[in-house]
Structures are given as C-alpha cells and as structure tokens.
Amino acid sequence: MAEEFKVDIDANQSVTATVYPASAKNRAHITLILGHGAGAGQTNWFMVMFANELAARGIDVITFNFSYMERRRGAPDPGDKLEACYRAAIDAARAHKKLKGNKLAIGGKSMGGRIASQVAAKGLDDLAGLVFLGYPLHPPGKPEQLRSKHLPNIKAPMLFVQGSRDSFGTPEELRPILKKLKTPCKLYEVEGGDHSLKIPKKAGSQEQLYAVVQDEIARWLRSL
C-alpha cells in the first residue's frame, strides 16, 4: 500500500512524497524515483498508474512533488530549485528504512526526467540507471532548442521511452544524439505514442500498451 512521507529540502521547506512498495513475491531490490511533469503533480493519473504498476512488477517506486507544485504555483521553479528538490528526494529515498540496500534509479515524466538527468550529469554516486518517460528534447515546435548538452556527462545507463508522435522530440530526433554517447542507452519507441505515450484509438488498447511499456521498464531495471 502506498505511503506518504515528507522530504525536507532545507530547514524551511519540505514536499510530499509517496513510496509504492514493491510486490513482495518478485521484489527486485531496486528503487525508482519518478519526478512529475511540469503541468501535473505526483497525484496525476499517469504518475499514480505507472508507480502502482511498476510496484506490482517488483520495483519500489517513489514519487514526489516539486516545490512549486506543493505550493500550488502554476509555473515551475528555476532549474537550480528543481534540482535541489530532486536531490532531496534522492537523499530521502536512500535513507528510507524500507528501501535500504536497494539499488537506485531515477527519472520521470517529461520535465521530471529532464531534471533527473541534470542532477545525474552533475555527479551522483551509486546510481544504477535513469528512466525517461517522454524525454523533452526540445520545446514543441522549436527543434533548435535542444536540451541534450548535458547528457554526455551522465555515467549511468539510460532508458528512453519515447512516443513516435512526441511533439517534444521524436525517437528519430533522439537517435543521433544517443549514438554519440559513451554511456549505454536504450531507446524504446512507442509506435503512435504522444508525449504521454497515448496512442490513437484505432491503434489498439491503451491499457495493453502501457502494460507492455511497464514490462519493458521492469525488465530493463532488473538487468542493471
């Protein structure tokens, strides 16, 4: 059962986090921290659904609110504040009594994944890997404004789950960038998927598609 707890950023700030314990029968002893996207917090249906389903597949999952979302502000904080909040969530995950001894992976949906990548690029010890659910390679309609300059500084393996119709960056746009990285990277393309991995109704079952993606993430994490 999911449990809420507080993450202290500093003496004056804290945010709400949630741990989704892994199924005991197939626990992988891996903690995955997932940061939310810019427009919706950790209680967004996508975040809750992925956290629950990955926990059922044996992955301990932690989600959390960035500070601006906790304060119910519309616009995200500056990058340094977002990174500080993510680092606090990492510290809390490592100190959590039910998760001690786990390997640690980080990532998130859209902005949450980007901030995780920036934290990793600046140096993070004992990081097993990163999982990106729709990496925001560039703002929609602005392919020249790439957010990939820091990726070569990441030393841990990376999994990019990217929809073929993602307006923030398609798999075709990501491939040449990832090929230049020395770190092991896997690009998992969701055919027909948009930035939230949603597919057109005529393409099949959305629920089944998400299940296939979650299976892939769990397999990849177990392989680290």
Protein backbone atom coordinates (compact mmCIF):
# COMPACT_ATOMS: atom_id res chain seq x y z
CA MET A 1 0.00 0.00 0.00
CA ALA A 2 1.31 3.45 -0.92
CA GLU A 3 2.54 5.58 1.96
CA GLU A 4 3.09 9.34 2.05
CA PHE A 5 6.10 10.91 3.77
CA LYS A 6 7.83 14.27 3.90
CA VAL A 7 11.01 15.21 2.06
CA ASP A 8 12.94 18.05 3.68
CA ILE A 9 14.65 20.33 1.17
CA ASP A 10 16.08 22.65 3.82
CA ALA A 11 15.18 23.88 7.29
CA ASN A 12 12.21 25.83 5.93
CA GLN A 13 10.94 23.75 3.01
CA SER A 14 9.53 20.28 2.58
CA VAL A 15 7.44 18.49 -0.03
CA THR A 16 5.20 15.47 -0.03
CA ALA A 17 6.48 12.17 -1.41
CA THR A 18 4.90 8.75 -1.79
CA VAL A 19 6.51 5.32 -1.68
CA TYR A 20 4.87 2.50 -3.59
CA PRO A 21 6.35 -0.71 -2.09
CA ALA A 22 7.31 -3.47 -4.49
CA SER A 23 5.33 -6.66 -4.55
CA ALA A 24 6.99 -8.96 -2.02
CA LYS A 25 6.77 -12.04 -4.25
CA ASN A 26 9.01 -10.63 -7.00
CA ARG A 27 10.87 -7.73 -5.40
CA ALA A 28 13.89 -6.60 -7.41
CA HIS A 29 15.52 -4.53 -4.64
CA ILE A 30 15.62 -1.50 -6.92
CA THR A 31 14.18 1.91 -6.04
CA LEU A 32 12.99 4.07 -8.94
CA ILE A 33 12.33 7.75 -8.21
CA LEU A 34 9.96 9.34 -10.71
CA GLY A 35 9.62 13.11 -10.97
CA HIS A 36 6.38 14.51 -12.39
CA GLY A 37 5.88 16.63 -15.49
CA ALA A 38 5.60 20.41 -15.49
CA GLY A 39 1.82 20.63 -15.53
CA ALA A 40 0.69 18.00 -13.01
CA GLY A 41 1.96 16.71 -9.67
CA GLN A 42 2.62 13.28 -8.25
CA THR A 43 -1.10 12.53 -7.86
CA ASN A 44 -1.67 12.83 -11.61
CA TRP A 45 -3.25 9.65 -13.01
CA PHE A 46 -0.21 8.88 -15.18
CA MET A 47 2.20 9.06 -12.25
CA VAL A 48 -0.01 7.01 -9.93
CA MET A 49 -0.72 4.40 -12.59
CA PHE A 50 2.93 3.90 -13.53
CA ALA A 51 4.03 3.82 -9.88
CA ASN A 52 1.44 1.20 -8.96
CA GLU A 53 2.09 -0.96 -12.00
CA LEU A 54 5.87 -0.89 -11.61
CA ALA A 55 5.50 -1.74 -7.91
CA ALA A 56 3.38 -4.74 -8.93
CA ARG A 57 6.31 -5.77 -11.15
CA GLY A 58 8.72 -5.76 -8.21
CA ILE A 59 10.12 -2.21 -8.35
CA ASP A 60 9.99 0.05 -5.29
CA VAL A 61 8.81 3.41 -6.62
CA ILE A 62 8.95 6.88 -5.07
CA THR A 63 7.13 9.90 -6.47
CA PHE A 64 7.23 13.42 -5.05
CA ASN A 65 6.02 16.95 -5.69
CA PHE A 66 8.43 19.63 -6.79
CA SER A 67 8.23 22.68 -4.53
CA TYR A 68 6.17 24.84 -6.89
CA MET A 69 3.57 22.09 -7.24
CA GLU A 70 3.44 21.61 -3.47
CA ARG A 71 2.72 25.35 -3.16
CA ARG A 72 0.16 25.10 -5.98
CA ARG A 73 2.01 27.57 -8.15
CA GLY A 74 1.43 27.43 -11.89
CA ALA A 75 4.94 27.86 -13.29
CA PRO A 76 7.87 25.58 -12.42
CA ASP A 77 10.68 26.90 -10.24
CA PRO A 78 14.07 27.82 -11.75
CA GLY A 79 16.30 24.90 -12.61
CA ASP A 80 18.51 25.10 -9.53
CA LYS A 81 15.48 24.87 -7.22
CA LEU A 82 14.04 21.95 -9.17
CA GLU A 83 17.38 20.15 -8.94
CA ALA A 84 17.67 20.84 -5.21
CA CYS A 85 14.24 19.32 -4.67
CA TYR A 86 15.17 16.24 -6.71
CA ARG A 87 18.41 15.79 -4.78
CA ALA A 88 16.43 15.99 -1.52
CA ALA A 89 14.15 13.24 -2.81
CA ILE A 90 17.21 11.12 -3.60
CA ASP A 91 18.58 11.61 -0.09
CA ALA A 92 15.20 10.67 1.38
CA ALA A 93 14.98 7.55 -0.77
CA ARG A 94 18.42 6.40 0.31
CA ALA A 95 17.54 6.98 3.96
CA HIS A 96 14.12 5.33 3.83
CA LYS A 97 14.16 2.40 6.24
CA LYS A 98 12.12 0.13 3.95
CA LEU A 99 14.38 0.75 0.96
CA LYS A 100 17.85 0.40 2.45
CA GLY A 101 20.07 -1.90 0.44
CA ASN A 102 18.22 -1.18 -2.81
CA LYS A 103 19.93 -0.08 -5.99
CA LEU A 104 18.82 3.41 -7.03
CA ALA A 105 17.44 4.55 -10.38
CA ILE A 106 15.96 7.98 -11.11
CA GLY A 107 13.94 9.58 -13.86
CA GLY A 108 10.44 10.79 -14.52
CA LYS A 109 7.85 12.05 -16.93
CA SER A 110 8.90 14.89 -19.22
CA MET A 111 10.32 17.69 -17.02
CA GLY A 112 10.80 15.31 -14.08
CA GLY A 113 13.05 13.14 -16.23
CA ARG A 114 14.97 16.13 -17.55
CA ILE A 115 15.69 17.38 -14.04
CA ALA A 116 16.79 13.88 -13.02
CA SER A 117 19.20 13.87 -15.95
CA GLN A 118 20.63 17.26 -14.95
CA VAL A 119 21.17 16.04 -11.38
CA ALA A 120 22.90 12.90 -12.68
CA ALA A 121 25.06 14.92 -15.08
CA LYS A 122 26.43 16.97 -12.18
CA GLY A 123 27.55 13.81 -10.37
CA LEU A 124 25.64 11.23 -8.37
CA ASP A 125 27.28 8.29 -6.63
CA ASP A 126 25.99 4.72 -6.89
CA LEU A 127 23.35 5.46 -9.50
CA ALA A 128 22.17 2.31 -11.28
CA GLY A 129 20.30 3.98 -14.14
CA LEU A 130 17.82 6.54 -15.44
CA VAL A 131 14.34 6.06 -16.90
CA PHE A 132 12.76 8.76 -19.07
CA LEU A 133 9.03 8.68 -19.85
CA GLY A 134 8.87 11.08 -22.77
CA TYR A 135 12.18 12.94 -22.61
CA PRO A 136 11.54 16.64 -23.50
CA LEU A 137 14.33 17.02 -26.03
CA HIS A 138 13.08 20.44 -27.09
CA PRO A 139 10.01 22.67 -26.68
CA PRO A 140 7.21 21.82 -29.15
CA GLY A 141 7.84 23.48 -32.50
CA LYS A 142 11.36 24.56 -31.52
CA PRO A 143 13.67 21.68 -32.53
CA GLU A 144 16.68 24.01 -32.48
CA GLN A 145 16.39 24.47 -28.69
CA LEU A 146 17.88 21.12 -27.72
CA ARG A 147 18.08 20.00 -24.09
CA SER A 148 20.78 17.42 -24.61
CA LYS A 149 24.08 19.22 -23.99
CA HIS A 150 24.47 17.68 -20.51
CA LEU A 151 23.67 14.08 -21.48
CA PRO A 152 27.31 13.11 -22.27
CA ASN A 153 28.18 13.83 -18.61
CA ILE A 154 25.86 11.09 -17.33
CA LYS A 155 27.73 7.91 -16.42
CA ALA A 156 24.79 5.61 -15.61
CA PRO A 157 22.82 3.62 -18.23
CA MET A 158 19.70 5.31 -19.59
CA LEU A 159 16.34 4.08 -20.89
CA PHE A 160 14.36 6.48 -23.09
CA VAL A 161 10.68 5.56 -23.58
CA GLN A 162 9.58 7.84 -26.40
CA GLY A 163 6.39 8.08 -28.44
CA SER A 164 6.80 8.26 -32.20
CA ARG A 165 4.46 11.31 -32.25
CA ASP A 166 6.05 13.12 -29.30
CA SER A 167 5.99 16.85 -30.08
CA PHE A 168 8.81 17.37 -27.55
CA GLY A 169 11.14 15.14 -29.54
CA THR A 170 10.65 12.02 -31.63
CA PRO A 171 12.75 8.86 -31.49
CA GLU A 172 14.20 9.89 -34.85
CA GLU A 173 15.44 13.12 -33.30
CA LEU A 174 16.86 11.33 -30.27
CA ARG A 175 18.72 8.54 -32.11
CA PRO A 176 21.64 10.57 -33.50
CA ILE A 177 22.17 12.21 -30.12
CA LEU A 178 22.16 8.92 -28.21
CA LYS A 179 24.50 7.27 -30.71
CA LYS A 180 27.20 9.76 -29.75
CA LEU A 181 27.01 8.94 -26.03
CA LYS A 182 29.57 6.62 -24.48
CA THR A 183 27.13 5.56 -21.76
CA PRO A 184 24.87 2.57 -22.58
CA CYS A 185 21.49 3.86 -23.76
CA LYS A 186 18.32 2.12 -24.87
CA LEU A 187 15.62 3.83 -26.87
CA TYR A 188 12.23 2.15 -26.60
CA GLU A 189 9.90 3.56 -29.24
CA VAL A 190 6.15 3.58 -28.62
CA GLU A 191 4.65 3.46 -32.10
CA GLY A 192 1.92 6.06 -32.40
CA GLY A 193 2.54 7.39 -28.89
CA ASP A 194 2.40 11.07 -28.00
CA HIS A 195 4.22 12.85 -25.15
CA SER A 196 2.20 10.85 -22.58
CA LEU A 197 2.60 7.67 -24.66
CA LYS A 198 -1.06 7.82 -25.66
CA ILE A 199 -1.90 6.09 -28.94
CA PRO A 200 -4.86 6.69 -31.30
CA LYS A 201 -7.92 4.57 -30.54
CA LYS A 202 -7.61 2.82 -33.88
CA ALA A 203 -4.08 1.70 -32.94
CA GLY A 204 -5.25 -0.65 -30.19
CA SER A 205 -5.69 -0.86 -26.44
CA GLN A 206 -4.08 1.94 -24.44
CA GLU A 207 -4.11 -0.20 -21.30
CA GLN A 208 -2.28 -3.02 -23.03
CA LEU A 209 0.25 -0.59 -24.47
CA TYR A 210 1.03 0.83 -21.04
CA ALA A 211 1.40 -2.71 -19.67
CA VAL A 212 3.94 -3.56 -22.38
CA VAL A 213 5.90 -0.39 -21.58
CA GLN A 214 5.86 -1.17 -17.85
CA ASP A 215 7.06 -4.71 -18.53
CA GLU A 216 9.94 -3.28 -20.55
CA ILE A 217 10.92 -0.81 -17.81
CA ALA A 218 10.87 -3.52 -15.14
CA ARG A 219 12.95 -5.86 -17.32
CA TRP A 220 15.48 -3.13 -18.05
CA LEU A 221 15.81 -2.16 -14.37
CA ARG A 222 16.34 -5.79 -13.36
CA SER A 223 19.11 -6.07 -15.96
CA LEU A 224 21.20 -3.28 -14.43
